[in-house]
Each structure stands twice: as structure tokens, then as C-alpha cells.
Amino acid sequence: SLHAGGSTNGEAGLQLAYEQAEKFKCSGNNRIILCTDGDFNVGITSDGELKDTVEKKRDNGIYISVLGFGTGNYKDSKMEIMADNGNGNYYYIDNLREAKKVLADEMTKTLYTIAKDVKIQVEFNPAVVKEYRLVGYENRLLNAEDFENYKKDAGELGAGANVTALYEIVTAADGESITGDDSLRYSKSIYSQSSELMDVKLRYKLPDGDESILKEYPAENTVSDSMSKNMCFAAAAAAEAG
């Protein structure tokens, strides 16, 4: 029986939600769920102030899930700012099927964070790849030096979630060499002529931890005979969009 009407005091709604979350805060999952069209026109309305508000609560261990509803005056950017900076996630609910997916079928992915400040860094072997570009994620890119900066905020990963990154590459000609940063893996002679395609590094923190954990996965220059359903779907969508 809920219905929308009148002005939207997003600040007051956020503050009330966070106050309630503080009362019931536990050692487990602490999260508020905001359902809105993002058209805040009373109280705090600027993106910068909203960012500061959710960042303070994030540092206090309360995360946020933002569910977008509506059309017309829909403010996508505001909701993405709150989710990105509040250790949360953001979904647009356009029909009942999407609501069921987000809040029932994939509830653990939506509501339960298993890793925070997740960062991925890819280094291509210049002996194999001459040029590359990342398809998508433009608004989530970090500077190269931010990968080692454990204080730099990054994305969160929910239980059972999958993350797919697509790259378009131009292969290098035989014997072609490209000078790179001496600190990189493939600038070292032991790796420079290897058959590896790339080196993938992953950093993350446990939900209640402050230590950044590093994992590294070199990948051989081979073609897989099979791909996961998620990879097939992402590749097909990218191909059609291109």
C-alpha cells in the first residue's frame, strides 16, 4: 500500500535509517536499504554532501543497498554515488521479476558482503599484446598507484557474485617489443619472453578487516574450449553493443 507523493527529503530518510541501524548494530551484517527515485529536493541535495554522509556511516560499519524506482525525474547519478561511497550496491527495479531477482533469488549477493575494497589490476605481456582497452567500468577506474594504497576505497563483493571484465586487444607482431615500467612483471627478463598473456592481481579486505590481502594469477596465452554462462552472456552483450 506504499505510494509516492510530495517532496523528497532524502537526507532525513538516510539519517533516520542510519539511526535505526545504529540501535540494532551487531557483529554481523549491518545495512540499510534505500528505495527511491533519487530526486532529493529537500535537505541535503548536493552529490558532495551525500557522499560525505554515507562515507562517515561506511567507516562506522553500516553499509547501504540502493534500489531505484520510477521514471521521469530519476536521478541515477545520486544513487550510484551513495552506493559506491557507502560500501553498497545499486539496482534499478523496473518490474516484479527484477525485484524477485535482487531481493529473493540473489538476496545473499545483494545483502551480504564477503569482501570490501576489492581492486583488480591487469598487466598484459607486451610480447603478446600491443594495445588494449577496457570495455566499461569507466567510472570505477583507479590510478595505478591506488592499487597499493590500502586506504583507497574500492568496490564491495557480495556472496555468490560474479565480476566480468572485458578487454579488446591488439596482438603484437613477432619480435615486436614495447618498453614499459621497470617495476612491472614483464619488464623482467625472466617473464619478458614467457608465453603468458597477462598477470591478474586482486586485492581485497575481509568485511570487518583493515588488512589488504593480495592474490596474483598469471594467465597463459591459450584459448578456452568452454566458457561459463556468465562469460558467454557478457561476451554476447558486448558483441551486440559493439
Protein backbone atom coordinates (compact mmCIF):
# COMPACT_ATOMS: atom_id res chain seq x y z
CA SER A 1 0.00 0.00 0.00
CA LEU A 2 3.03 2.31 -0.22
CA HIS A 3 2.73 5.22 -2.61
CA ALA A 4 4.84 8.24 -3.58
CA GLY A 5 3.84 11.85 -3.11
CA GLY A 6 5.07 15.31 -2.16
CA SER A 7 8.70 16.36 -1.80
CA THR A 8 11.64 14.05 -1.07
CA ASN A 9 13.79 14.72 1.98
CA GLY A 10 16.45 12.15 1.20
CA GLU A 11 18.78 13.41 3.92
CA ALA A 12 16.17 12.92 6.66
CA GLY A 13 15.38 9.43 5.37
CA LEU A 14 19.06 8.47 5.36
CA GLN A 15 19.69 9.86 8.83
CA LEU A 16 16.65 8.05 10.27
CA ALA A 17 17.69 4.77 8.63
CA TYR A 18 21.25 5.04 9.92
CA GLU A 19 19.98 5.91 13.44
CA GLN A 20 17.86 2.74 13.46
CA ALA A 21 20.78 0.70 12.16
CA GLU A 22 22.96 2.01 14.99
CA LYS A 23 20.39 0.83 17.56
CA PHE A 24 20.45 -2.73 16.24
CA LYS A 25 24.09 -2.85 15.16
CA CYS A 26 25.72 -6.25 15.61
CA SER A 27 28.99 -8.00 14.78
CA GLY A 28 27.46 -9.37 11.57
CA ASN A 29 25.80 -7.72 8.58
CA ASN A 30 24.72 -4.10 9.19
CA ARG A 31 22.97 -2.48 6.24
CA ILE A 32 20.21 -0.05 5.34
CA ILE A 33 18.07 -0.37 2.19
CA LEU A 34 17.07 2.84 0.41
CA CYS A 35 14.22 2.72 -2.14
CA THR A 36 13.97 5.97 -4.12
CA ASP A 37 13.97 7.74 -7.47
CA GLY A 38 16.91 9.83 -6.22
CA ASP A 39 15.17 13.17 -6.76
CA PHE A 40 16.15 14.69 -3.41
CA ASN A 41 14.75 18.25 -3.26
CA VAL A 42 14.65 18.93 0.49
CA GLY A 43 17.59 18.90 2.93
CA ILE A 44 20.96 17.80 1.57
CA THR A 45 20.73 17.66 -2.22
CA SER A 46 24.30 18.05 -3.47
CA ASP A 47 26.27 15.00 -4.57
CA GLY A 48 29.26 16.01 -2.44
CA GLU A 49 27.29 16.24 0.80
CA LEU A 50 25.54 12.93 0.15
CA LYS A 51 28.93 11.33 -0.49
CA ASP A 52 30.29 12.65 2.82
CA THR A 53 27.22 11.40 4.71
CA VAL A 54 27.41 7.79 3.51
CA GLU A 55 31.22 7.70 3.83
CA LYS A 56 31.01 8.50 7.55
CA LYS A 57 28.49 5.72 8.12
CA ARG A 58 30.51 3.31 5.99
CA ASP A 59 33.53 3.84 8.20
CA ASN A 60 31.27 3.01 11.16
CA GLY A 61 30.43 -0.39 9.71
CA ILE A 62 26.98 0.28 8.23
CA TYR A 63 26.61 -0.42 4.51
CA ILE A 64 23.85 0.59 2.10
CA SER A 65 21.83 -1.01 -0.71
CA VAL A 66 20.10 1.43 -3.07
CA LEU A 67 17.05 0.30 -5.06
CA GLY A 68 15.96 2.70 -7.78
CA PHE A 69 12.32 3.09 -8.78
CA GLY A 70 10.46 5.30 -11.22
CA THR A 71 10.98 7.30 -14.40
CA GLY A 72 10.98 10.96 -15.39
CA ASN A 73 12.86 12.80 -12.64
CA TYR A 74 15.01 9.75 -11.97
CA LYS A 75 18.48 10.69 -10.59
CA ASP A 76 20.74 7.79 -11.45
CA SER A 77 23.98 9.60 -10.59
CA LYS A 78 22.94 10.36 -7.00
CA MET A 79 22.09 6.75 -6.28
CA GLU A 80 25.32 5.49 -7.79
CA ILE A 81 27.32 7.95 -5.66
CA MET A 82 25.60 6.72 -2.48
CA ALA A 83 26.16 3.07 -3.34
CA ASP A 84 29.77 3.49 -4.48
CA ASN A 85 30.80 5.50 -1.43
CA GLY A 86 28.66 3.74 1.17
CA ASN A 87 30.18 0.26 0.68
CA GLY A 88 26.99 -0.76 -1.06
CA ASN A 89 25.32 -1.79 -4.27
CA TYR A 90 22.73 -0.27 -6.57
CA TYR A 91 19.97 -1.86 -8.64
CA TYR A 92 17.23 -0.39 -10.82
CA ILE A 93 13.93 -2.17 -10.17
CA ASP A 94 11.80 -1.83 -13.30
CA ASN A 95 9.46 -4.80 -12.81
CA LEU A 96 8.47 -7.54 -10.39
CA ARG A 97 10.84 -10.04 -11.96
CA GLU A 98 13.85 -7.79 -11.28
CA ALA A 99 12.67 -7.25 -7.69
CA LYS A 100 12.44 -11.01 -7.18
CA LYS A 101 15.91 -11.47 -8.64
CA VAL A 102 17.54 -8.81 -6.44
CA LEU A 103 15.69 -9.47 -3.16
CA ALA A 104 14.90 -13.19 -3.36
CA ASP A 105 16.88 -15.23 -5.91
CA GLU A 106 20.14 -13.32 -5.33
CA MET A 107 19.46 -11.99 -1.84
CA THR A 108 22.83 -13.05 -0.42
CA LYS A 109 24.68 -11.26 -3.22
CA THR A 110 22.63 -8.12 -2.60
CA LEU A 111 22.76 -8.00 1.18
CA TYR A 112 25.82 -9.95 2.39
CA THR A 113 29.27 -8.55 1.69
CA ILE A 114 32.12 -11.09 1.69
CA ALA A 115 34.92 -8.72 0.60
CA LYS A 116 35.35 -4.94 0.66
CA ASP A 117 37.68 -2.56 -1.17
CA VAL A 118 38.09 -5.10 -3.96
CA LYS A 119 40.61 -3.98 -6.60
CA ILE A 120 41.70 -5.75 -9.77
CA GLN A 121 44.85 -4.83 -11.69
CA VAL A 122 45.68 -6.40 -15.07
CA GLU A 123 49.13 -6.24 -16.69
CA PHE A 124 49.35 -7.51 -20.25
CA ASN A 125 52.53 -9.10 -21.58
CA PRO A 126 53.79 -6.63 -24.25
CA ALA A 127 55.39 -9.51 -26.15
CA VAL A 128 51.85 -10.79 -26.79
CA VAL A 129 49.59 -7.71 -26.54
CA LYS A 130 50.46 -4.44 -28.27
CA GLU A 131 47.37 -2.40 -27.32
CA TYR A 132 44.30 -2.92 -25.16
CA ARG A 133 41.25 -1.14 -23.82
CA LEU A 134 38.85 -1.97 -21.04
CA VAL A 135 35.21 -2.16 -22.14
CA GLY A 136 33.06 -0.49 -19.48
CA TYR A 137 33.87 0.36 -15.85
CA GLU A 138 34.89 3.90 -16.86
CA ASN A 139 33.52 5.38 -13.64
CA ARG A 140 35.22 2.77 -11.43
CA LEU A 141 38.78 3.16 -12.72
CA LEU A 142 41.56 3.82 -10.21
CA ASN A 143 45.02 5.26 -10.75
CA ALA A 144 47.74 2.61 -10.96
CA GLU A 145 49.26 3.71 -7.65
CA ASP A 146 45.89 3.35 -5.88
CA PHE A 147 46.13 -0.43 -6.16
CA GLU A 148 48.77 -0.50 -3.41
CA ASN A 149 47.06 2.21 -1.32
CA TYR A 150 45.09 0.28 1.29
CA LYS A 151 43.26 3.46 2.35
CA LYS A 152 41.75 3.98 -1.11
CA ASP A 153 38.09 2.97 -1.18
CA ALA A 154 37.04 0.49 -3.87
CA GLY A 155 34.13 -1.85 -4.64
CA GLU A 156 32.43 -4.46 -2.48
CA LEU A 157 31.61 -8.04 -3.45
CA GLY A 158 28.51 -9.89 -2.29
CA ALA A 159 28.23 -13.61 -1.58
CA GLY A 160 27.88 -15.54 -4.83
CA ALA A 161 28.57 -12.52 -7.03
CA ASN A 162 30.47 -12.67 -10.33
CA VAL A 163 32.52 -9.84 -11.82
CA THR A 164 33.39 -9.91 -15.53
CA ALA A 165 35.86 -7.53 -17.16
CA LEU A 166 36.12 -7.44 -20.95
CA TYR A 167 39.18 -6.18 -22.82
CA GLU A 168 39.65 -5.50 -26.50
CA ILE A 169 43.26 -6.24 -27.51
CA VAL A 170 45.60 -5.83 -30.47
CA THR A 171 48.20 -8.58 -30.62
CA ALA A 172 51.89 -7.78 -31.00
CA ALA A 173 53.83 -8.80 -34.11
CA ASP A 174 56.61 -11.39 -33.79
CA GLY A 175 59.74 -9.82 -32.38
CA GLU A 176 58.00 -6.56 -31.52
CA SER A 177 58.94 -5.21 -28.13
CA ILE A 178 57.47 -2.36 -26.13
CA THR A 179 59.38 -0.57 -23.39
CA GLY A 180 57.48 -0.44 -20.15
CA ASP A 181 57.79 0.46 -16.48
CA ASP A 182 60.76 -1.28 -14.85
CA SER A 183 58.59 -2.15 -11.84
CA LEU A 184 56.20 -4.25 -13.92
CA ARG A 185 56.29 -8.02 -14.19
CA TYR A 186 57.04 -8.23 -17.90
CA SER A 187 59.92 -5.77 -17.77
CA LYS A 188 61.92 -8.50 -16.02
CA SER A 189 63.86 -10.86 -18.29
CA ILE A 190 62.50 -13.96 -16.56
CA TYR A 191 58.98 -13.10 -17.73
CA SER A 192 59.50 -10.89 -20.79
CA GLN A 193 59.64 -13.78 -23.27
CA SER A 194 57.21 -16.05 -21.48
CA SER A 195 54.05 -17.42 -23.08
CA GLU A 196 51.86 -15.64 -20.53
CA LEU A 197 49.11 -13.40 -21.85
CA MET A 198 48.68 -11.34 -18.71
CA ASP A 199 49.08 -11.14 -14.96
CA VAL A 200 45.97 -10.50 -12.86
CA LYS A 201 46.32 -9.12 -9.33
CA LEU A 202 43.46 -8.99 -6.85
CA ARG A 203 43.34 -7.05 -3.59
CA TYR A 204 40.56 -7.17 -1.02
CA LYS A 205 39.79 -6.80 2.67
CA LEU A 206 37.57 -9.00 4.79
CA PRO A 207 34.27 -7.25 5.70
CA ASP A 208 35.45 -6.45 9.25
CA GLY A 209 39.17 -6.18 8.47
CA ASP A 210 41.64 -3.44 7.58
CA GLU A 211 44.42 -5.56 6.08
CA SER A 212 44.53 -5.69 2.28
CA ILE A 213 45.06 -9.25 1.02
CA LEU A 214 46.90 -9.76 -2.30
CA LYS A 215 46.30 -12.61 -4.75
CA GLU A 216 48.13 -12.97 -8.08
CA TYR A 217 47.15 -15.11 -11.07
CA PRO A 218 49.33 -15.24 -14.24
CA ALA A 219 47.29 -16.39 -17.27
CA GLU A 220 48.69 -18.36 -20.19
CA ASN A 221 48.06 -17.28 -23.79
CA THR A 222 45.58 -20.05 -24.58
CA VAL A 223 42.01 -20.20 -25.86
CA SER A 224 39.47 -21.97 -23.67
CA ASP A 225 37.20 -24.58 -25.23
CA SER A 226 34.39 -23.63 -22.89
CA MET A 227 33.17 -20.53 -21.07
CA SER A 228 30.86 -20.08 -18.10
CA LYS A 229 27.28 -18.97 -18.68
CA ASN A 230 28.11 -15.56 -17.20
CA MET A 231 31.07 -15.12 -19.55
CA CYS A 232 29.03 -16.21 -22.58
CA PHE A 233 26.28 -13.72 -21.71
CA ALA A 234 28.73 -10.84 -21.15
CA ALA A 235 30.61 -11.58 -24.39
CA ALA A 236 27.37 -11.75 -26.39
CA ALA A 237 26.11 -8.46 -24.91
CA ALA A 238 29.43 -6.73 -25.67
CA ALA A 239 29.49 -8.08 -29.22
CA GLU A 240 25.97 -6.82 -29.91
CA ALA A 241 26.74 -3.43 -28.34
CA GLY A 242 29.91 -3.08 -30.45
